Amino acid sequence: MNADDELLKNLDKLHTTELGVERIKRNLFLDTDDVVGWCKAKIDSVKAVITRSGKNWYVNIDNCIITVNAYSYTIITAHREKK
């Protein structure tokens, strides 16, 4: 099983902390309270490029990078891709 299959099969386990919600909203200038839902939709997109490095998955989509812990499925952070 490759990394993107494993992450996609476990999208229902994705979650984040209250501080994670605030950090992601601030970093991406999001105007939604459903940050986890927003991240799930981005990760599930056919345009998403999912890689795993060590204990984290990195999802590149729409000039954003979403970082997810590979063991706990916690969305750690998300930020705009630096050009």
PDB file of N, CA and C in Angstrom:
ATOM      1  N   MET A   1       0.851  -1.176   0.000  1.00  0.00           N
ATOM      2  CA  MET A   1       0.000   0.000   0.000  1.00  0.00           C
ATOM      3  C   MET A   1       0.898   1.240   0.000  1.00  0.00           C
ATOM      4  N   ASN A   2       0.655   2.146  -0.943  1.00  0.00           N
ATOM      5  CA  ASN A   2       1.476   3.351  -0.941  1.00  0.00           C
ATOM      6  C   ASN A   2       0.861   4.410  -0.042  1.00  0.00           C
ATOM      7  N   ALA A   3       1.602   5.468   0.190  1.00  0.00           N
ATOM      8  CA  ALA A   3       1.229   6.466   1.197  1.00  0.00           C
ATOM      9  C   ALA A   3      -0.100   7.133   0.889  1.00  0.00           C
ATOM     10  N   ASP A   4      -0.321   7.499  -0.367  1.00  0.00           N
ATOM     11  CA  ASP A   4      -1.568   8.203  -0.651  1.00  0.00           C
ATOM     12  C   ASP A   4      -2.773   7.298  -0.463  1.00  0.00           C
ATOM     13  N   ASP A   5      -2.647   6.008  -0.820  1.00  0.00           N
ATOM     14  CA  ASP A   5      -3.751   5.077  -0.581  1.00  0.00           C
ATOM     15  C   ASP A   5      -4.065   4.965   0.905  1.00  0.00           C
ATOM     16  N   GLU A   6      -3.035   4.855   1.721  1.00  0.00           N
ATOM     17  CA  GLU A   6      -3.233   4.708   3.164  1.00  0.00           C
ATOM     18  C   GLU A   6      -3.905   5.943   3.754  1.00  0.00           C
ATOM     19  N   LEU A   7      -3.461   7.125   3.362  1.00  0.00           N
ATOM     20  CA  LEU A   7      -4.071   8.352   3.864  1.00  0.00           C
ATOM     21  C   LEU A   7      -5.505   8.485   3.372  1.00  0.00           C
ATOM     22  N   LEU A   8      -5.740   8.219   2.099  1.00  0.00           N
ATOM     23  CA  LEU A   8      -7.090   8.350   1.545  1.00  0.00           C
ATOM     24  C   LEU A   8      -8.067   7.360   2.169  1.00  0.00           C
ATOM     25  N   LYS A   9      -7.600   6.154   2.483  1.00  0.00           N
ATOM     26  CA  LYS A   9      -8.473   5.160   3.112  1.00  0.00           C
ATOM     27  C   LYS A   9      -8.827   5.523   4.549  1.00  0.00           C
ATOM     28  N   ASN A  10      -8.069   6.423   5.145  1.00  0.00           N
ATOM     29  CA  ASN A  10      -8.290   6.790   6.544  1.00  0.00           C
ATOM     30  C   ASN A  10      -8.703   8.255   6.713  1.00  0.00           C
ATOM     31  N   LEU A  11      -9.303   8.846   5.695  1.00  0.00           N
ATOM     32  CA  LEU A  11      -9.734  10.242   5.779  1.00  0.00           C
ATOM     33  C   LEU A  11     -10.700  10.474   6.932  1.00  0.00           C
ATOM     34  N   ASP A  12     -11.494   9.464   7.259  1.00  0.00           N
ATOM     35  CA  ASP A  12     -12.465   9.613   8.357  1.00  0.00           C
ATOM     36  C   ASP A  12     -11.778   9.774   9.714  1.00  0.00           C
ATOM     37  N   LYS A  13     -10.507   9.426   9.810  1.00  0.00           N
ATOM     38  CA  LYS A  13      -9.766   9.558  11.073  1.00  0.00           C
ATOM     39  C   LYS A  13      -9.101  10.924  11.233  1.00  0.00           C
ATOM     40  N   LEU A  14      -9.122  11.742  10.182  1.00  0.00           N
ATOM     41  CA  LEU A  14      -8.464  13.046  10.253  1.00  0.00           C
ATOM     42  C   LEU A  14      -9.101  13.923  11.318  1.00  0.00           C
ATOM     43  N   HIS A  15      -8.264  14.613  12.054  1.00  0.00           N
ATOM     44  CA  HIS A  15      -8.729  15.554  13.073  1.00  0.00           C
ATOM     45  C   HIS A  15      -7.596  16.540  13.339  1.00  0.00           C
ATOM     46  N   THR A  16      -7.897  17.560  14.126  1.00  0.00           N
ATOM     47  CA  THR A  16      -6.866  18.500  14.546  1.00  0.00           C
ATOM     48  C   THR A  16      -7.252  19.061  15.905  1.00  0.00           C
ATOM     49  N   THR A  17      -6.360  19.821  16.477  1.00  0.00           N
ATOM     50  CA  THR A  17      -6.612  20.427  17.783  1.00  0.00           C
ATOM     51  C   THR A  17      -7.231  21.815  17.589  1.00  0.00           C
ATOM     52  N   GLU A  18      -7.690  22.400  18.685  1.00  0.00           N
ATOM     53  CA  GLU A  18      -8.224  23.772  18.604  1.00  0.00           C
ATOM     54  C   GLU A  18      -7.148  24.736  18.115  1.00  0.00           C
ATOM     55  N   LEU A  19      -5.935  24.565  18.628  1.00  0.00           N
ATOM     56  CA  LEU A  19      -4.830  25.416  18.171  1.00  0.00           C
ATOM     57  C   LEU A  19      -4.513  25.158  16.702  1.00  0.00           C
ATOM     58  N   GLY A  20      -4.651  23.903  16.277  1.00  0.00           N
ATOM     59  CA  GLY A  20      -4.433  23.565  14.869  1.00  0.00           C
ATOM     60  C   GLY A  20      -5.431  24.266  13.963  1.00  0.00           C
ATOM     61  N   VAL A  21      -6.695  24.314  14.388  1.00  0.00           N
ATOM     62  CA  VAL A  21      -7.730  25.003  13.613  1.00  0.00           C
ATOM     63  C   VAL A  21      -7.355  26.468  13.433  1.00  0.00           C
ATOM     64  N   GLU A  22      -6.985  27.121  14.526  1.00  0.00           N
ATOM     65  CA  GLU A  22      -6.623  28.540  14.456  1.00  0.00           C
ATOM     66  C   GLU A  22      -5.388  28.765  13.581  1.00  0.00           C
ATOM     67  N   ARG A  23      -4.391  27.899  13.718  1.00  0.00           N
ATOM     68  CA  ARG A  23      -3.149  28.023  12.948  1.00  0.00           C
ATOM     69  C   ARG A  23      -3.426  27.864  11.450  1.00  0.00           C
ATOM     70  N   ILE A  24      -4.225  26.873  11.085  1.00  0.00           N
ATOM     71  CA  ILE A  24      -4.530  26.619   9.679  1.00  0.00           C
ATOM     72  C   ILE A  24      -5.354  27.765   9.090  1.00  0.00           C
ATOM     73  N   LYS A  25      -6.361  28.231   9.848  1.00  0.00           N
ATOM     74  CA  LYS A  25      -7.174  29.353   9.377  1.00  0.00           C
ATOM     75  C   LYS A  25      -6.314  30.591   9.148  1.00  0.00           C
ATOM     76  N   ARG A  26      -5.393  30.851  10.061  1.00  0.00           N
ATOM     77  CA  ARG A  26      -4.514  32.017   9.960  1.00  0.00           C
ATOM     78  C   ARG A  26      -3.554  31.874   8.771  1.00  0.00           C
ATOM     79  N   ASN A  27      -2.935  30.698   8.641  1.00  0.00           N
ATOM     80  CA  ASN A  27      -1.937  30.495   7.592  1.00  0.00           C
ATOM     81  C   ASN A  27      -2.527  30.536   6.185  1.00  0.00           C
ATOM     82  N   LEU A  28      -3.764  30.030   6.048  1.00  0.00           N
ATOM     83  CA  LEU A  28      -4.373  29.941   4.720  1.00  0.00           C
ATOM     84  C   LEU A  28      -5.441  30.997   4.482  1.00  0.00           C
ATOM     85  N   PHE A  29      -5.644  31.865   5.469  1.00  0.00           N
ATOM     86  CA  PHE A  29      -6.673  32.909   5.364  1.00  0.00           C
ATOM     87  C   PHE A  29      -8.047  32.311   5.074  1.00  0.00           C
ATOM     88  N   LEU A  30      -8.384  31.217   5.773  1.00  0.00           N
ATOM     89  CA  LEU A  30      -9.664  30.536   5.565  1.00  0.00           C
ATOM     90  C   LEU A  30     -10.775  31.236   6.326  1.00  0.00           C
ATOM     91  N   ASP A  31     -11.957  31.255   5.721  1.00  0.00           N
ATOM     92  CA  ASP A  31     -13.128  31.836   6.351  1.00  0.00           C
ATOM     93  C   ASP A  31     -14.159  30.733   6.594  1.00  0.00           C
ATOM     94  N   THR A  32     -13.708  29.642   7.213  1.00  0.00           N
ATOM     95  CA  THR A  32     -14.591  28.522   7.519  1.00  0.00           C
ATOM     96  C   THR A  32     -14.260  28.002   8.908  1.00  0.00           C
ATOM     97  N   ASP A  33     -15.271  27.493   9.591  1.00  0.00           N
ATOM     98  CA  ASP A  33     -15.019  26.875  10.892  1.00  0.00           C
ATOM     99  C   ASP A  33     -14.759  25.380  10.753  1.00  0.00           C
ATOM    100  N   ASP A  34     -15.079  24.806   9.575  1.00  0.00           N
ATOM    101  CA  ASP A  34     -14.869  23.375   9.342  1.00  0.00           C
ATOM    102  C   ASP A  34     -13.529  23.159   8.635  1.00  0.00           C
ATOM    103  N   VAL A  35     -12.460  23.417   9.361  1.00  0.00           N
ATOM    104  CA  VAL A  35     -11.117  23.292   8.802  1.00  0.00           C
ATOM    105  C   VAL A  35     -10.811  21.850   8.437  1.00  0.00           C
ATOM    106  N   VAL A  36     -11.235  20.907   9.267  1.00  0.00           N
ATOM    107  CA  VAL A  36     -10.974  19.491   8.990  1.00  0.00           C
ATOM    108  C   VAL A  36     -11.694  19.080   7.704  1.00  0.00           C
ATOM    109  N   GLY A  37     -12.939  19.493   7.548  1.00  0.00           N
ATOM    110  CA  GLY A  37     -13.688  19.194   6.324  1.00  0.00           C
ATOM    111  C   GLY A  37     -13.031  19.793   5.097  1.00  0.00           C
ATOM    112  N   TRP A  38     -12.542  21.030   5.239  1.00  0.00           N
ATOM    113  CA  TRP A  38     -11.854  21.698   4.139  1.00  0.00           C
ATOM    114  C   TRP A  38     -10.603  20.911   3.751  1.00  0.00           C
ATOM    115  N   CYS A  39      -9.829  20.495   4.750  1.00  0.00           N
ATOM    116  CA  CYS A  39      -8.605  19.722   4.490  1.00  0.00           C
ATOM    117  C   CYS A  39      -8.925  18.364   3.867  1.00  0.00           C
ATOM    118  N   LYS A  40      -9.961  17.698   4.363  1.00  0.00           N
ATOM    119  CA  LYS A  40     -10.361  16.403   3.790  1.00  0.00           C
ATOM    120  C   LYS A  40     -10.687  16.547   2.309  1.00  0.00           C
ATOM    121  N   ALA A  41     -11.442  17.588   1.968  1.00  0.00           N
ATOM    122  CA  ALA A  41     -11.818  17.804   0.568  1.00  0.00           C
ATOM    123  C   ALA A  41     -10.576  18.030  -0.292  1.00  0.00           C
ATOM    124  N   LYS A  42      -9.623  18.807   0.207  1.00  0.00           N
ATOM    125  CA  LYS A  42      -8.389  19.063  -0.545  1.00  0.00           C
ATOM    126  C   LYS A  42      -7.570  17.784  -0.715  1.00  0.00           C
ATOM    127  N   ILE A  43      -7.443  17.013   0.370  1.00  0.00           N
ATOM    128  CA  ILE A  43      -6.658  15.776   0.327  1.00  0.00           C
ATOM    129  C   ILE A  43      -7.296  14.768  -0.625  1.00  0.00           C
ATOM    130  N   ASP A  44      -8.627  14.743  -0.685  1.00  0.00           N
ATOM    131  CA  ASP A  44      -9.355  13.783  -1.517  1.00  0.00           C
ATOM    132  C   ASP A  44      -9.402  14.202  -2.986  1.00  0.00           C
ATOM    133  N   SER A  45      -8.938  15.383  -3.310  1.00  0.00           N
ATOM    134  CA  SER A  45      -8.953  15.883  -4.680  1.00  0.00           C
ATOM    135  C   SER A  45      -8.010  15.072  -5.561  1.00  0.00           C
ATOM    136  N   VAL A  46      -8.391  14.910  -6.823  1.00  0.00           N
ATOM    137  CA  VAL A  46      -7.529  14.173  -7.756  1.00  0.00           C
ATOM    138  C   VAL A  46      -6.247  14.952  -8.049  1.00  0.00           C
ATOM    139  N   LYS A  47      -6.237  16.259  -7.794  1.00  0.00           N
ATOM    140  CA  LYS A  47      -5.048  17.087  -8.034  1.00  0.00           C
ATOM    141  C   LYS A  47      -4.047  17.019  -6.889  1.00  0.00           C
ATOM    142  N   ALA A  48      -4.417  16.428  -5.758  1.00  0.00           N
ATOM    143  CA  ALA A  48      -3.537  16.379  -4.590  1.00  0.00           C
ATOM    144  C   ALA A  48      -2.341  15.460  -4.846  1.00  0.00           C
ATOM    145  N   VAL A  49      -1.166  15.939  -4.466  1.00  0.00           N
ATOM    146  CA  VAL A  49       0.055  15.136  -4.548  1.00  0.00           C
ATOM    147  C   VAL A  49       0.450  14.812  -3.117  1.00  0.00           C
ATOM    148  N   ILE A  50       0.378  13.526  -2.766  1.00  0.00           N
ATOM    149  CA  ILE A  50       0.614  13.077  -1.392  1.00  0.00           C
ATOM    150  C   ILE A  50       1.956  12.361  -1.323  1.00  0.00           C
ATOM    151  N   THR A  51       2.810  12.823  -0.401  1.00  0.00           N
ATOM    152  CA  THR A  51       4.092  12.159  -0.172  1.00  0.00           C
ATOM    153  C   THR A  51       4.238  11.915   1.325  1.00  0.00           C
ATOM    154  N   ARG A  52       5.050  10.940   1.657  1.00  0.00           N
ATOM    155  CA  ARG A  52       5.318  10.674   3.068  1.00  0.00           C
ATOM    156  C   ARG A  52       6.806  10.797   3.308  1.00  0.00           C
ATOM    157  N   SER A  53       7.133  11.506   4.374  1.00  0.00           N
ATOM    158  CA  SER A  53       8.523  11.646   4.779  1.00  0.00           C
ATOM    159  C   SER A  53       8.563  11.459   6.286  1.00  0.00           C
ATOM    160  N   GLY A  54       9.168  10.364   6.719  1.00  0.00           N
ATOM    161  CA  GLY A  54       9.232  10.072   8.154  1.00  0.00           C
ATOM    162  C   GLY A  54       7.857   9.853   8.732  1.00  0.00           C
ATOM    163  N   LYS A  55       7.536  10.607   9.779  1.00  0.00           N
ATOM    164  CA  LYS A  55       6.269  10.396  10.482  1.00  0.00           C
ATOM    165  C   LYS A  55       5.119  11.224   9.927  1.00  0.00           C
ATOM    166  N   ASN A  56       5.351  11.992   8.855  1.00  0.00           N
ATOM    167  CA  ASN A  56       4.311  12.874   8.329  1.00  0.00           C
ATOM    168  C   ASN A  56       4.003  12.631   6.866  1.00  0.00           C
ATOM    169  N   TRP A  57       2.745  12.917   6.507  1.00  0.00           N
ATOM    170  CA  TRP A  57       2.348  13.014   5.114  1.00  0.00           C
ATOM    171  C   TRP A  57       2.317  14.486   4.763  1.00  0.00           C
ATOM    172  N   TYR A  58       2.687  14.788   3.533  1.00  0.00           N
ATOM    173  CA  TYR A  58       2.625  16.152   3.022  1.00  0.00           C
ATOM    174  C   TYR A  58       1.753  16.132   1.785  1.00  0.00           C
ATOM    175  N   VAL A  59       0.716  16.959   1.802  1.00  0.00           N
ATOM    176  CA  VAL A  59      -0.225  17.005   0.692  1.00  0.00           C
ATOM    177  C   VAL A  59      -0.082  18.353   0.007  1.00  0.00           C
ATOM    178  N   ASN A  60       0.362  18.330  -1.241  1.00  0.00           N
ATOM    179  CA  ASN A  60       0.486  19.556  -2.037  1.00  0.00           C
ATOM    180  C   ASN A  60      -0.740  19.684  -2.921  1.00  0.00           C
ATOM    181  N   ILE A  61      -1.463  20.791  -2.768  1.00  0.00           N
ATOM    182  CA  ILE A  61      -2.661  21.042  -3.578  1.00  0.00           C
ATOM    183  C   ILE A  61      -2.939  22.542  -3.605  1.00  0.00           C
ATOM    184  N   ASP A  62      -3.228  23.064  -4.774  1.00  0.00           N
ATOM    185  CA  ASP A  62      -3.617  24.466  -4.944  1.00  0.00           C
ATOM    186  C   ASP A  62      -2.669  25.432  -4.225  1.00  0.00           C
ATOM    187  N   ASN A  63      -1.372  25.217  -4.393  1.00  0.00           N
ATOM    188  CA  ASN A  63      -0.342  26.063  -3.771  1.00  0.00           C
ATOM    189  C   ASN A  63      -0.365  26.033  -2.243  1.00  0.00           C
ATOM    190  N   CYS A  64      -0.904  24.962  -1.676  1.00  0.00           N
ATOM    191  CA  CYS A  64      -0.917  24.762  -0.225  1.00  0.00           C
ATOM    192  C   CYS A  64      -0.207  23.454   0.106  1.00  0.00           C
ATOM    193  N   ILE A  65       0.356  23.397   1.295  1.00  0.00           N
ATOM    194  CA  ILE A  65       0.927  22.156   1.811  1.00  0.00           C
ATOM    195  C   ILE A  65       0.239  21.862   3.136  1.00  0.00           C
ATOM    196  N   ILE A  66      -0.409  20.703   3.197  1.00  0.00           N
ATOM    197  CA  ILE A  66      -1.084  20.253   4.413  1.00  0.00           C
ATOM    198  C   ILE A  66      -0.218  19.156   5.022  1.00  0.00           C
ATOM    199  N   THR A  67       0.126  19.292   6.299  1.00  0.00           N
ATOM    200  CA  THR A  67       0.967  18.321   6.985  1.00  0.00           C
ATOM    201  C   THR A  67       0.109  17.494   7.937  1.00  0.00           C
ATOM    202  N   VAL A  68       0.169  16.155   7.782  1.00  0.00           N
ATOM    203  CA  VAL A  68      -0.644  15.242   8.584  1.00  0.00           C
ATOM    204  C   VAL A  68       0.264  14.213   9.238  1.00  0.00           C
ATOM    205  N   ASN A  69       0.103  14.011  10.550  1.00  0.00           N
ATOM    206  CA  ASN A  69       0.864  12.977  11.245  1.00  0.00           C
ATOM    207  C   ASN A  69       0.397  11.610  10.751  1.00  0.00           C
ATOM    208  N   ALA A  70       1.339  10.760  10.369  1.00  0.00           N
ATOM    209  CA  ALA A  70       1.018   9.472   9.750  1.00  0.00           C
ATOM    210  C   ALA A  70       0.484   8.442  10.732  1.00  0.00           C
ATOM    211  N   TYR A  71       0.691   8.647  12.018  1.00  0.00           N
ATOM    212  CA  TYR A  71       0.261   7.659  12.996  1.00  0.00           C
ATOM    213  C   TYR A  71      -1.061   8.036  13.660  1.00  0.00           C
ATOM    214  N   SER A  72      -1.236   9.313  13.956  1.00  0.00           N
ATOM    215  CA  SER A  72      -2.438   9.755  14.676  1.00  0.00           C
ATOM    216  C   SER A  72      -3.476  10.383  13.756  1.00  0.00           C
ATOM    217  N   TYR A  73      -3.117  10.629  12.498  1.00  0.00           N
ATOM    218  CA  TYR A  73      -4.003  11.300  11.530  1.00  0.00           C
ATOM    219  C   TYR A  73      -4.391  12.698  11.988  1.00  0.00           C
ATOM    220  N   THR A  74      -3.515  13.344  12.745  1.00  0.00           N
ATOM    221  CA  THR A  74      -3.732  14.719  13.179  1.00  0.00           C
ATOM    222  C   THR A  74      -3.208  15.664  12.104  1.00  0.00           C
ATOM    223  N   ILE A  75      -4.050  16.611  11.700  1.00  0.00           N
ATOM    224  CA  ILE A  75      -3.595  17.645  10.781  1.00  0.00           C
ATOM    225  C   ILE A  75      -2.766  18.614  11.622  1.00  0.00           C
ATOM    226  N   ILE A  76      -1.484  18.642  11.380  1.00  0.00           N
ATOM    227  CA  ILE A  76      -0.570  19.430  12.194  1.00  0.00           C
ATOM    228  C   ILE A  76      -0.627  20.900  11.796  1.00  0.00           C
ATOM    229  N   THR A  77      -0.492  21.143  10.513  1.00  0.00           N
ATOM    230  CA  THR A  77      -0.529  22.522  10.012  1.00  0.00           C
ATOM    231  C   THR A  77      -0.803  22.511   8.527  1.00  0.00           C
ATOM    232  N   ALA A  78      -1.042  23.666   7.997  1.00  0.00           N
ATOM    233  CA  ALA A  78      -1.171  23.867   6.554  1.00  0.00           C
ATOM    234  C   ALA A  78      -0.701  25.287   6.284  1.00  0.00           C
ATOM    235  N   HIS A  79      -0.036  25.445   5.180  1.00  0.00           N
ATOM    236  CA  HIS A  79       0.449  26.774   4.836  1.00  0.00           C
ATOM    237  C   HIS A  79       0.558  26.915   3.315  1.00  0.00           C
ATOM    238  N   ARG A  80       0.684  28.145   2.886  1.00  0.00           N
ATOM    239  CA  ARG A  80       0.874  28.422   1.464  1.00  0.00           C
ATOM    240  C   ARG A  80       2.248  27.942   1.053  1.00  0.00           C
ATOM    241  N   GLU A  81       2.326  27.392  -0.154  1.00  0.00           N
ATOM    242  CA  GLU A  81       3.597  26.936  -0.681  1.00  0.00           C
ATOM    243  C   GLU A  81       4.466  28.139  -1.004  1.00  0.00           C
ATOM    244  N   LYS A  82       5.708  28.109  -0.584  1.00  0.00           N
ATOM    245  CA  LYS A  82       6.626  29.208  -0.856  1.00  0.00           C
ATOM    246  C   LYS A  82       7.159  29.043  -2.266  1.00  0.00           C
ATOM    247  N   LYS A  83       7.116  30.110  -3.016  1.00  0.00           N
ATOM    248  CA  LYS A  83       7.584  30.057  -4.415  1.00  0.00           C
ATOM    249  C   LYS A  83       9.055  30.360  -4.501  1.00  0.00           C
TER     250      LYS A  83
END
